[in-house]
Protein backbone atom coordinates (compact mmCIF):
# COMPACT_ATOMS: atom_id res chain seq x y z
CA MET A 1 -16.98 -10.66 -0.53
CA ASN A 2 -14.08 -9.02 1.29
CA LYS A 3 -10.68 -10.10 -0.03
CA VAL A 4 -7.06 -9.31 0.75
CA THR A 5 -3.93 -9.34 -1.37
CA ASP A 6 -0.72 -11.18 -0.71
CA GLU A 7 1.87 -9.17 1.21
CA LEU A 8 3.10 -6.23 -0.91
CA LYS A 9 6.27 -4.17 -0.57
CA ILE A 10 6.29 -0.40 -0.18
CA LEU A 11 9.50 1.10 -1.58
CA ASP A 12 11.10 4.52 -1.44
CA LEU A 13 10.70 6.05 -4.92
CA GLN A 14 14.22 7.55 -4.93
CA THR A 15 16.33 4.79 -3.38
CA ASN A 16 14.13 1.77 -4.24
CA LYS A 17 14.70 0.49 -0.68
CA GLN A 18 11.91 -1.34 1.11
CA ILE A 19 10.18 0.70 3.82
CA ALA A 20 7.32 -1.58 4.81
CA LYS A 21 5.13 -4.53 3.86
CA VAL A 22 1.36 -4.20 3.66
CA VAL A 23 -1.76 -6.16 2.80
CA LEU A 24 -4.49 -4.38 0.82
CA ASN A 25 -8.10 -4.96 1.83
CA GLY A 26 -11.18 -4.36 -0.22
CA TYR A 27 -13.89 -5.67 -2.46
CA ASN A 28 -13.76 -7.12 -5.98
CA ILE A 29 -10.01 -7.26 -6.28
CA ASP A 30 -9.01 -8.43 -9.75
CA SER A 31 -7.08 -11.67 -9.99
CA ASP A 32 -4.20 -9.92 -11.80
CA GLY A 33 -2.48 -8.81 -8.62
CA GLY A 34 -4.91 -6.45 -6.94
CA LEU A 35 -2.98 -3.23 -7.55
CA GLY A 36 -5.20 -0.20 -7.88
CA GLN A 37 -5.78 2.19 -10.75
CA ARG A 38 -5.02 5.93 -10.70
CA GLY A 39 -7.32 7.80 -8.33
CA MET A 40 -8.42 4.64 -6.53
CA MET A 41 -8.11 4.31 -2.76
CA ARG A 42 -7.69 1.02 -0.90
CA SER A 43 -7.59 0.21 2.77
CA PHE A 44 -4.52 -1.56 4.08
CA THR A 45 -2.82 -2.99 7.13
CA ILE A 46 0.90 -2.83 7.86
CA THR A 47 2.51 -6.25 8.34
CA SER A 48 6.04 -4.93 8.91
CA GLY A 49 7.83 -1.59 8.94
CA ASP A 50 6.69 1.95 9.69
CA LEU A 51 5.13 4.53 7.37
CA TRP A 52 4.81 7.48 9.77
CA ASP A 53 7.45 9.68 8.09
CA GLN A 54 6.17 8.94 4.60
CA TRP A 55 2.59 9.70 5.65
CA SER A 56 3.49 12.94 7.42
CA LEU A 57 5.48 14.15 4.38
CA GLN A 58 2.86 12.85 1.90
CA GLN A 59 5.76 11.19 0.08
CA ILE A 60 5.15 9.40 -3.23
CA LEU A 61 6.09 5.72 -2.92
CA ASN A 62 6.14 2.55 -5.03
CA LEU A 63 3.95 -0.43 -4.22
CA ARG A 64 5.33 -3.72 -5.64
CA ASP A 65 3.70 -7.14 -5.79
CA GLU A 66 5.43 -10.53 -5.95
CA ALA A 67 5.33 -10.52 -9.77
CA GLY A 68 7.27 -7.23 -9.83
CA ARG A 69 4.33 -5.05 -10.92
CA GLU A 70 4.49 -1.56 -9.43
CA ALA A 71 2.16 1.35 -8.82
CA GLN A 72 2.91 4.81 -7.43
CA ILE A 73 1.03 5.55 -4.23
CA ARG A 74 0.83 7.85 -1.25
CA ILE A 75 -0.39 7.09 2.25
CA ALA A 76 -3.66 9.02 2.61
CA ALA A 77 -4.46 7.77 6.12
CA LEU A 78 -2.22 5.87 8.49
CA PRO A 79 -3.54 3.06 10.71
CA VAL A 80 -3.65 4.43 14.25
CA GLU A 81 -4.00 1.20 16.22
CA GLN A 82 -2.46 -2.27 16.00
CA ASP A 83 -5.24 -3.95 14.00
CA SER A 84 -6.73 -0.90 12.29
CA TYR A 85 -6.73 0.12 8.64
CA GLY A 86 -5.16 2.98 6.71
CA LEU A 87 -5.83 4.26 3.19
CA ILE A 88 -3.51 4.12 0.18
CA GLU A 89 -4.18 6.42 -2.79
CA PHE A 90 -3.01 5.24 -6.20
CA LEU A 91 -1.42 8.02 -8.25
């Protein structure tokens, strides 16, 4: 069954400022927040903000859920159309 997470924040690793909000898509998401493990890739949609610069620079970012749990990520593939999906890689 396809599931999605709650809205998650993407933060700049250096400044801790919010860049965007995303929703992760995928299968068999654990009930403990849905953040991925190292080496895992998850599809996502952007709900607010822009990740073009971070994607083009392959910048390492933080992904934070509502409980404050964080994971380091990079944007592996950026959504190219309004309702399309990108890929986040967990580092």
